[in-house]
């Protein structure tokens, strides 16, 4: 394969292969829990909803097809509880309706996190009162698919573009 001249990272060919693995997983009847990869170690992690221990014929067929497409990659199959589609839909709903269930939009970010198989809401903690109001609002949702993290902004770390 000829390198893409716009490929400043040198991973274009690897990304094409990972994208193909993603297409295989997406076309499968097994619910997709997300895919990640590390170009240095050449490890691809395929997250699937349900057991990945050989008890499902659909999962075993998918694993076989993915492994055939993963030339030069180590592939780890991990069982997760929630699908990518479910968590992305939840994140979209949460972040589009924050003004209805949370104190304010300022200092809030996040989204679906493939590694933790959860929606993560990141809360700026420079005002303990506002941060606690957010924590209370998130906990009041009683949804195990949601977790939160807090951070303290570093003064001067944000630069404005001119």
N, C-alpha and C. Protein backbone atom coordinates (compact mmCIF):
# COMPACT_ATOMS: atom_id res chain seq x y z
N UNK A 1 0.85 -1.18 0.00
CA UNK A 1 0.00 0.00 0.00
C UNK A 1 0.89 1.23 0.00
N UNK A 2 0.56 2.20 -0.79
CA UNK A 2 1.32 3.44 -0.89
C UNK A 2 0.93 4.40 0.22
N UNK A 3 1.90 5.00 0.93
CA UNK A 3 1.55 5.91 2.03
C UNK A 3 0.80 7.14 1.53
N UNK A 4 -0.09 7.61 2.34
CA UNK A 4 -0.85 8.81 2.05
C UNK A 4 0.05 10.00 2.41
N UNK A 5 0.25 10.96 1.49
CA UNK A 5 1.14 12.09 1.78
C UNK A 5 0.64 12.97 2.93
N UNK A 6 -0.63 12.87 3.28
CA UNK A 6 -1.17 13.66 4.40
C UNK A 6 -0.98 12.94 5.73
N UNK A 7 -0.39 11.76 5.72
CA UNK A 7 -0.25 10.94 6.91
C UNK A 7 0.97 11.37 7.72
N UNK A 8 0.79 12.36 8.58
CA UNK A 8 1.90 12.88 9.37
C UNK A 8 2.26 11.94 10.52
N UNK A 9 1.38 11.03 10.91
CA UNK A 9 1.65 10.12 12.03
C UNK A 9 2.28 8.81 11.59
N UNK A 10 2.18 8.49 10.30
CA UNK A 10 2.72 7.24 9.81
C UNK A 10 1.85 6.03 10.14
N UNK A 11 0.59 6.27 10.44
CA UNK A 11 -0.30 5.17 10.83
C UNK A 11 -1.46 4.98 9.87
N UNK A 12 -1.41 5.60 8.72
CA UNK A 12 -2.53 5.53 7.77
C UNK A 12 -2.90 4.09 7.42
N UNK A 13 -1.89 3.28 7.08
CA UNK A 13 -2.17 1.90 6.69
C UNK A 13 -2.74 1.10 7.85
N UNK A 14 -2.24 1.35 9.06
CA UNK A 14 -2.79 0.67 10.24
C UNK A 14 -4.23 1.10 10.50
N UNK A 15 -4.48 2.39 10.35
CA UNK A 15 -5.84 2.90 10.58
C UNK A 15 -6.81 2.30 9.58
N UNK A 16 -6.39 2.09 8.34
CA UNK A 16 -7.26 1.46 7.34
C UNK A 16 -7.63 0.05 7.77
N UNK A 17 -6.68 -0.67 8.32
CA UNK A 17 -6.94 -2.03 8.78
C UNK A 17 -7.88 -2.02 9.99
N UNK A 18 -7.66 -1.11 10.91
CA UNK A 18 -8.54 -1.01 12.08
C UNK A 18 -9.94 -0.60 11.65
N UNK A 19 -10.04 0.30 10.69
CA UNK A 19 -11.36 0.69 10.17
C UNK A 19 -12.09 -0.51 9.57
N UNK A 20 -11.36 -1.37 8.89
CA UNK A 20 -11.97 -2.58 8.32
C UNK A 20 -12.47 -3.49 9.44
N UNK A 21 -11.70 -3.63 10.50
CA UNK A 21 -12.15 -4.41 11.66
C UNK A 21 -13.42 -3.79 12.23
N UNK A 22 -13.47 -2.47 12.31
CA UNK A 22 -14.66 -1.78 12.80
C UNK A 22 -15.88 -2.06 11.93
N UNK A 23 -15.67 -2.08 10.60
CA UNK A 23 -16.79 -2.39 9.69
C UNK A 23 -17.27 -3.82 9.89
N UNK A 24 -16.35 -4.74 10.10
CA UNK A 24 -16.74 -6.13 10.34
C UNK A 24 -17.57 -6.24 11.61
N UNK A 25 -17.12 -5.59 12.67
CA UNK A 25 -17.85 -5.63 13.94
C UNK A 25 -19.22 -4.98 13.80
N UNK A 26 -19.28 -3.84 13.11
CA UNK A 26 -20.56 -3.13 12.94
C UNK A 26 -21.57 -3.95 12.14
N UNK A 27 -21.10 -4.77 11.20
CA UNK A 27 -21.99 -5.56 10.36
C UNK A 27 -22.45 -6.85 11.05
N UNK A 28 -21.88 -7.16 12.17
CA UNK A 28 -22.19 -8.40 12.88
C UNK A 28 -23.49 -8.26 13.68
N UNK A 29 -24.17 -9.38 13.93
CA UNK A 29 -25.35 -9.33 14.79
C UNK A 29 -25.00 -9.18 16.28
N UNK A 30 -23.72 -9.30 16.63
CA UNK A 30 -23.28 -9.16 18.02
C UNK A 30 -23.21 -7.67 18.34
N UNK A 31 -23.88 -7.23 19.40
CA UNK A 31 -23.84 -5.80 19.75
C UNK A 31 -22.41 -5.32 20.05
N UNK A 32 -22.06 -4.23 19.41
CA UNK A 32 -20.74 -3.62 19.47
C UNK A 32 -20.61 -2.75 20.71
N UNK A 33 -19.58 -3.01 21.51
CA UNK A 33 -19.33 -2.19 22.71
C UNK A 33 -18.21 -1.19 22.52
N UNK A 34 -17.68 -1.09 21.31
CA UNK A 34 -16.62 -0.12 21.03
C UNK A 34 -15.31 -0.81 20.70
N UNK A 35 -14.47 -0.08 19.98
CA UNK A 35 -13.20 -0.61 19.52
C UNK A 35 -12.13 0.44 19.79
N UNK A 36 -10.98 0.02 20.24
CA UNK A 36 -9.85 0.94 20.41
C UNK A 36 -8.59 0.23 19.96
N UNK A 37 -7.55 1.02 19.72
CA UNK A 37 -6.29 0.42 19.30
C UNK A 37 -5.14 1.30 19.69
N UNK A 38 -3.98 0.66 19.83
CA UNK A 38 -2.74 1.35 20.15
C UNK A 38 -1.76 1.06 19.02
N UNK A 39 -1.36 2.10 18.31
CA UNK A 39 -0.51 1.88 17.14
C UNK A 39 0.90 1.42 17.51
N UNK A 40 1.37 1.79 18.68
CA UNK A 40 2.72 1.38 19.07
C UNK A 40 2.79 -0.10 19.41
N UNK A 41 1.83 -0.58 20.18
CA UNK A 41 1.84 -2.00 20.56
C UNK A 41 1.12 -2.87 19.54
N UNK A 42 0.38 -2.23 18.64
CA UNK A 42 -0.42 -2.93 17.62
C UNK A 42 -1.43 -3.87 18.27
N UNK A 43 -2.09 -3.34 19.31
CA UNK A 43 -3.14 -4.09 19.99
C UNK A 43 -4.48 -3.43 19.69
N UNK A 44 -5.42 -4.23 19.26
CA UNK A 44 -6.79 -3.79 19.02
C UNK A 44 -7.66 -4.44 20.10
N UNK A 45 -8.50 -3.62 20.73
CA UNK A 45 -9.43 -4.15 21.72
C UNK A 45 -10.83 -4.04 21.13
N UNK A 46 -11.50 -5.17 20.97
CA UNK A 46 -12.85 -5.23 20.45
C UNK A 46 -13.76 -5.56 21.63
N UNK A 47 -14.66 -4.63 21.95
CA UNK A 47 -15.59 -4.82 23.05
C UNK A 47 -16.93 -5.28 22.48
N UNK A 48 -17.44 -6.36 23.05
CA UNK A 48 -18.71 -6.92 22.58
C UNK A 48 -19.64 -7.09 23.77
N UNK A 49 -20.93 -6.85 23.53
CA UNK A 49 -21.91 -7.04 24.59
C UNK A 49 -22.19 -8.53 24.67
N UNK A 50 -22.01 -9.09 25.85
CA UNK A 50 -22.23 -10.51 26.06
C UNK A 50 -20.93 -11.26 26.24
N UNK A 51 -21.05 -12.56 26.37
CA UNK A 51 -19.90 -13.41 26.64
C UNK A 51 -19.00 -13.55 25.42
N UNK A 52 -17.70 -13.55 25.65
CA UNK A 52 -16.72 -13.74 24.57
C UNK A 52 -15.90 -15.02 24.83
N UNK A 53 -16.46 -15.92 25.62
CA UNK A 53 -15.73 -17.11 26.07
C UNK A 53 -16.05 -18.39 25.28
N UNK A 54 -16.61 -18.25 24.10
CA UNK A 54 -16.87 -19.44 23.29
C UNK A 54 -18.27 -20.00 23.42
N UNK A 55 -19.14 -19.35 24.17
CA UNK A 55 -20.50 -19.87 24.37
C UNK A 55 -21.49 -19.38 23.33
N UNK A 56 -21.09 -18.46 22.46
CA UNK A 56 -21.99 -17.93 21.44
C UNK A 56 -21.40 -18.18 20.05
N UNK A 57 -22.18 -18.83 19.21
CA UNK A 57 -21.73 -19.10 17.83
C UNK A 57 -21.52 -17.80 17.07
N UNK A 58 -22.40 -16.80 17.26
CA UNK A 58 -22.26 -15.51 16.56
C UNK A 58 -20.96 -14.82 16.97
N UNK A 59 -20.65 -14.85 18.25
CA UNK A 59 -19.41 -14.21 18.73
C UNK A 59 -18.20 -14.94 18.17
N UNK A 60 -18.24 -16.26 18.15
CA UNK A 60 -17.10 -17.03 17.64
C UNK A 60 -16.89 -16.77 16.14
N UNK A 61 -17.97 -16.66 15.37
CA UNK A 61 -17.84 -16.33 13.94
C UNK A 61 -17.23 -14.94 13.78
N UNK A 62 -17.70 -13.99 14.58
CA UNK A 62 -17.17 -12.64 14.51
C UNK A 62 -15.69 -12.63 14.88
N UNK A 63 -15.32 -13.31 15.94
CA UNK A 63 -13.93 -13.36 16.36
C UNK A 63 -13.04 -13.91 15.24
N UNK A 64 -13.50 -14.98 14.61
CA UNK A 64 -12.75 -15.60 13.51
C UNK A 64 -12.55 -14.61 12.36
N UNK A 65 -13.60 -13.90 11.99
CA UNK A 65 -13.52 -12.94 10.88
C UNK A 65 -12.61 -11.78 11.23
N UNK A 66 -12.71 -11.27 12.45
CA UNK A 66 -11.85 -10.16 12.89
C UNK A 66 -10.39 -10.61 12.89
N UNK A 67 -10.12 -11.76 13.45
CA UNK A 67 -8.73 -12.23 13.51
C UNK A 67 -8.13 -12.42 12.12
N UNK A 68 -8.95 -12.84 11.16
CA UNK A 68 -8.46 -13.00 9.79
C UNK A 68 -8.11 -11.65 9.17
N UNK A 69 -8.79 -10.59 9.59
CA UNK A 69 -8.54 -9.25 9.03
C UNK A 69 -7.45 -8.49 9.78
N UNK A 70 -7.00 -9.02 10.90
CA UNK A 70 -6.08 -8.30 11.78
C UNK A 70 -4.63 -8.73 11.54
N UNK A 71 -4.16 -8.54 10.34
CA UNK A 71 -2.81 -8.94 9.99
C UNK A 71 -1.79 -8.07 10.74
N UNK A 72 -1.01 -8.70 11.59
CA UNK A 72 0.02 -7.96 12.33
C UNK A 72 -0.47 -7.29 13.61
N UNK A 73 -1.73 -7.48 13.94
CA UNK A 73 -2.29 -6.93 15.17
C UNK A 73 -2.56 -8.05 16.16
N UNK A 74 -2.45 -7.72 17.43
CA UNK A 74 -2.95 -8.59 18.49
C UNK A 74 -4.36 -8.09 18.76
N UNK A 75 -5.32 -8.98 18.82
CA UNK A 75 -6.70 -8.59 19.06
C UNK A 75 -7.16 -9.18 20.39
N UNK A 76 -7.65 -8.32 21.25
CA UNK A 76 -8.24 -8.75 22.51
C UNK A 76 -9.74 -8.52 22.43
N UNK A 77 -10.50 -9.54 22.76
CA UNK A 77 -11.95 -9.44 22.80
C UNK A 77 -12.36 -9.32 24.26
N UNK A 78 -13.15 -8.30 24.56
CA UNK A 78 -13.56 -8.00 25.93
C UNK A 78 -15.08 -7.95 25.99
N UNK A 79 -15.63 -8.57 27.00
CA UNK A 79 -17.08 -8.53 27.22
C UNK A 79 -17.44 -7.27 28.00
N UNK A 80 -18.44 -6.54 27.50
CA UNK A 80 -18.93 -5.34 28.18
C UNK A 80 -20.43 -5.45 28.37
N UNK A 81 -20.95 -4.59 29.21
CA UNK A 81 -22.37 -4.65 29.54
C UNK A 81 -23.25 -3.85 28.57
N UNK A 82 -22.74 -2.72 28.10
CA UNK A 82 -23.56 -1.80 27.30
C UNK A 82 -23.00 -1.66 25.89
N UNK A 83 -23.91 -1.48 24.94
CA UNK A 83 -23.47 -1.30 23.55
C UNK A 83 -23.06 0.14 23.30
N UNK A 84 -22.25 0.30 22.27
CA UNK A 84 -21.84 1.63 21.85
C UNK A 84 -23.07 2.48 21.50
N UNK A 85 -24.00 1.91 20.78
CA UNK A 85 -25.20 2.65 20.36
C UNK A 85 -25.99 3.13 21.57
N UNK A 86 -26.16 2.26 22.57
CA UNK A 86 -26.90 2.63 23.76
C UNK A 86 -26.22 3.78 24.50
N UNK A 87 -24.90 3.70 24.66
CA UNK A 87 -24.19 4.74 25.40
C UNK A 87 -24.09 6.04 24.61
N UNK A 88 -23.93 5.95 23.31
CA UNK A 88 -23.91 7.18 22.50
C UNK A 88 -25.27 7.88 22.55
N UNK A 89 -26.34 7.10 22.48
CA UNK A 89 -27.69 7.69 22.56
C UNK A 89 -27.90 8.34 23.93
N UNK A 90 -27.45 7.67 24.99
CA UNK A 90 -27.58 8.23 26.33
C UNK A 90 -26.78 9.53 26.44
N UNK A 91 -25.56 9.54 25.96
CA UNK A 91 -24.74 10.75 26.01
C UNK A 91 -25.40 11.89 25.24
N UNK A 92 -25.90 11.59 24.05
CA UNK A 92 -26.58 12.62 23.26
C UNK A 92 -27.77 13.20 24.03
N UNK A 93 -28.56 12.32 24.63
CA UNK A 93 -29.73 12.78 25.39
C UNK A 93 -29.30 13.60 26.60
N UNK A 94 -28.32 13.11 27.35
CA UNK A 94 -27.88 13.82 28.55
C UNK A 94 -27.33 15.21 28.23
N UNK A 95 -26.44 15.27 27.25
CA UNK A 95 -25.79 16.55 26.96
C UNK A 95 -26.71 17.53 26.24
N UNK A 96 -27.74 17.03 25.58
CA UNK A 96 -28.67 17.95 24.91
C UNK A 96 -29.77 18.45 25.85
N UNK A 97 -29.90 17.83 27.02
CA UNK A 97 -30.95 18.24 27.97
C UNK A 97 -30.39 18.67 29.32
N UNK A 98 -29.12 18.99 29.39
CA UNK A 98 -28.48 19.33 30.66
C UNK A 98 -29.17 20.48 31.38
N UNK A 99 -29.69 21.42 30.63
CA UNK A 99 -30.35 22.57 31.26
C UNK A 99 -31.62 22.16 32.00
N UNK A 100 -32.16 20.98 31.70
CA UNK A 100 -33.37 20.51 32.39
C UNK A 100 -33.08 19.72 33.65
N UNK A 101 -31.92 19.09 33.75
CA UNK A 101 -31.66 18.24 34.91
C UNK A 101 -30.42 18.66 35.71
N UNK A 102 -29.63 19.61 35.19
CA UNK A 102 -28.43 20.04 35.90
C UNK A 102 -28.43 21.53 36.17
N UNK A 103 -27.50 22.00 37.01
CA UNK A 103 -27.51 23.40 37.43
C UNK A 103 -27.10 24.41 36.35
N UNK A 104 -26.12 24.10 35.50
CA UNK A 104 -25.72 25.01 34.42
C UNK A 104 -24.79 24.24 33.50
N UNK A 105 -24.60 24.73 32.29
CA UNK A 105 -23.74 24.04 31.34
C UNK A 105 -22.27 24.40 31.51
N UNK A 106 -21.98 25.45 32.20
CA UNK A 106 -20.61 25.93 32.30
C UNK A 106 -19.73 24.93 33.07
N UNK A 107 -18.58 24.64 32.50
CA UNK A 107 -17.62 23.76 33.16
C UNK A 107 -17.92 22.27 33.05
N UNK A 108 -18.83 21.90 32.16
CA UNK A 108 -19.23 20.50 32.02
C UNK A 108 -18.82 19.99 30.63
N UNK A 109 -18.35 18.78 30.59
CA UNK A 109 -18.00 18.14 29.33
C UNK A 109 -18.14 16.64 29.48
N UNK A 110 -17.67 15.93 28.48
CA UNK A 110 -17.69 14.48 28.56
C UNK A 110 -18.32 13.84 27.36
N UNK A 111 -18.69 12.58 27.54
CA UNK A 111 -19.29 11.82 26.46
C UNK A 111 -19.15 10.33 26.72
N UNK A 112 -19.36 9.54 25.68
CA UNK A 112 -19.26 8.09 25.79
C UNK A 112 -17.79 7.72 25.88
N UNK A 113 -17.43 6.88 26.84
CA UNK A 113 -16.06 6.43 27.02
C UNK A 113 -15.98 4.94 26.73
N UNK A 114 -15.31 4.61 25.66
CA UNK A 114 -15.17 3.23 25.21
C UNK A 114 -14.47 2.36 26.26
N UNK A 115 -13.41 2.88 26.86
CA UNK A 115 -12.62 2.08 27.80
C UNK A 115 -13.39 1.69 29.05
N UNK A 116 -14.20 2.59 29.58
CA UNK A 116 -14.94 2.29 30.81
C UNK A 116 -16.34 1.74 30.53
N UNK A 117 -16.76 1.79 29.27
CA UNK A 117 -18.10 1.35 28.87
C UNK A 117 -19.17 2.08 29.67
N UNK A 118 -18.99 3.40 29.75
CA UNK A 118 -19.91 4.27 30.46
C UNK A 118 -19.96 5.62 29.75
N UNK A 119 -20.95 6.42 30.11
CA UNK A 119 -20.95 7.83 29.75
C UNK A 119 -20.27 8.54 30.90
N UNK A 120 -19.28 9.35 30.59
CA UNK A 120 -18.54 10.07 31.63
C UNK A 120 -18.86 11.56 31.50
N UNK A 121 -19.26 12.13 32.63
CA UNK A 121 -19.49 13.57 32.69
C UNK A 121 -18.34 14.17 33.50
N UNK A 122 -17.65 15.11 32.88
CA UNK A 122 -16.49 15.74 33.51
C UNK A 122 -16.93 17.10 34.05
N UNK A 123 -16.65 17.31 35.35
CA UNK A 123 -17.13 18.49 36.07
C UNK A 123 -15.96 19.34 36.51
N UNK A 124 -15.99 20.61 36.14
CA UNK A 124 -14.96 21.55 36.60
C UNK A 124 -15.19 21.82 38.08
N UNK A 125 -14.13 21.70 38.87
CA UNK A 125 -14.28 21.81 40.32
C UNK A 125 -13.58 23.05 40.87
N UNK A 126 -13.78 24.20 40.25
CA UNK A 126 -13.23 25.41 40.85
C UNK A 126 -14.26 26.09 41.74
N UNK A 127 -15.49 25.65 41.66
CA UNK A 127 -16.54 26.09 42.58
C UNK A 127 -17.13 24.83 43.21
N UNK A 128 -16.81 24.61 44.49
CA UNK A 128 -17.29 23.39 45.14
C UNK A 128 -18.80 23.32 45.17
N UNK A 129 -19.46 24.47 45.25
CA UNK A 129 -20.92 24.49 45.31
C UNK A 129 -21.52 24.00 43.99
N UNK A 130 -21.03 24.53 42.89
CA UNK A 130 -21.54 24.12 41.58
C UNK A 130 -21.18 22.67 41.29
N UNK A 131 -19.95 22.30 41.60
CA UNK A 131 -19.52 20.91 41.37
C UNK A 131 -20.40 19.95 42.17
N UNK A 132 -20.67 20.27 43.42
CA UNK A 132 -21.51 19.39 44.24
C UNK A 132 -22.94 19.33 43.71
N UNK A 133 -23.44 20.46 43.19
CA UNK A 133 -24.78 20.46 42.59
C UNK A 133 -24.81 19.51 41.39
N UNK A 134 -23.75 19.50 40.58
CA UNK A 134 -23.68 18.58 39.45
C UNK A 134 -23.60 17.14 39.92
N UNK A 135 -22.76 16.89 40.91
CA UNK A 135 -22.63 15.53 41.43
C UNK A 135 -23.98 15.03 41.94
N UNK A 136 -24.68 15.89 42.66
CA UNK A 136 -26.00 15.52 43.18
C UNK A 136 -26.98 15.24 42.04
N UNK A 137 -26.95 16.07 41.00
CA UNK A 137 -27.86 15.89 39.86
C UNK A 137 -27.57 14.58 39.13
N UNK A 138 -26.29 14.25 38.97
CA UNK A 138 -25.91 13.00 38.30
C UNK A 138 -26.32 11.80 39.14
N UNK A 139 -26.04 11.86 40.42
CA UNK A 139 -26.42 10.75 41.31
C UNK A 139 -27.93 10.57 41.38
N UNK A 140 -28.68 11.66 41.25
CA UNK A 140 -30.14 11.57 41.29
C UNK A 140 -30.71 10.84 40.08
N UNK A 141 -29.93 10.72 39.01
CA UNK A 141 -30.37 9.98 37.83
C UNK A 141 -30.40 8.47 38.09
N UNK A 142 -29.66 8.00 39.07
CA UNK A 142 -29.63 6.56 39.43
C UNK A 142 -29.41 5.68 38.20
N UNK A 143 -28.41 6.03 37.41
CA UNK A 143 -28.15 5.29 36.19
C UNK A 143 -26.73 4.75 36.22
N UNK A 144 -26.56 3.43 36.31
CA UNK A 144 -25.22 2.86 36.40
C UNK A 144 -24.38 3.04 35.14
N UNK A 145 -25.00 3.50 34.06
CA UNK A 145 -24.25 3.73 32.83
C UNK A 145 -23.52 5.06 32.85
N UNK A 146 -23.75 5.87 33.89
CA UNK A 146 -23.18 7.22 33.97
C UNK A 146 -22.21 7.28 35.14
N UNK A 147 -21.06 7.87 34.89
CA UNK A 147 -20.14 8.18 35.98
C UNK A 147 -19.63 9.59 35.78
N UNK A 148 -19.03 10.13 36.82
CA UNK A 148 -18.50 11.49 36.70
C UNK A 148 -17.06 11.53 37.17
N UNK A 149 -16.36 12.53 36.67
CA UNK A 149 -15.00 12.84 37.08
C UNK A 149 -14.96 14.34 37.32
N UNK A 150 -14.11 14.76 38.23
CA UNK A 150 -13.93 16.19 38.47
C UNK A 150 -12.51 16.58 38.11
N UNK A 151 -12.34 17.85 37.81
CA UNK A 151 -11.00 18.37 37.54
C UNK A 151 -10.92 19.80 38.06
N UNK A 152 -9.72 20.21 38.39
CA UNK A 152 -9.47 21.59 38.81
C UNK A 152 -8.70 22.25 37.68
N UNK A 153 -9.24 23.34 37.13
CA UNK A 153 -8.55 23.99 36.01
C UNK A 153 -7.21 24.56 36.46
N UNK A 154 -6.25 24.53 35.58
CA UNK A 154 -4.93 25.08 35.85
C UNK A 154 -4.91 26.52 35.37
N UNK A 155 -4.67 27.46 36.28
CA UNK A 155 -4.66 28.88 35.87
C UNK A 155 -3.64 29.13 34.76
N UNK A 156 -4.08 29.87 33.76
CA UNK A 156 -3.21 30.22 32.64
C UNK A 156 -3.04 29.13 31.61
N UNK A 157 -3.63 27.96 31.82
CA UNK A 157 -3.46 26.86 30.88
C UNK A 157 -4.29 27.05 29.62
N UNK A 158 -5.31 27.83 29.71
CA UNK A 158 -6.17 28.07 28.55
C UNK A 158 -5.68 29.31 27.82
N UNK A 159 -5.38 29.11 26.56
CA UNK A 159 -4.92 30.23 25.75
C UNK A 159 -5.98 30.54 24.71
N UNK A 160 -6.15 31.78 24.45
CA UNK A 160 -7.11 32.19 23.42
C UNK A 160 -6.44 32.25 22.07
N UNK A 161 -7.16 31.79 21.07
CA UNK A 161 -6.67 31.89 19.70
C UNK A 161 -7.05 33.25 19.16
N UNK A 162 -6.14 33.84 18.44
CA UNK A 162 -6.42 35.17 17.87
C UNK A 162 -6.56 35.09 16.38
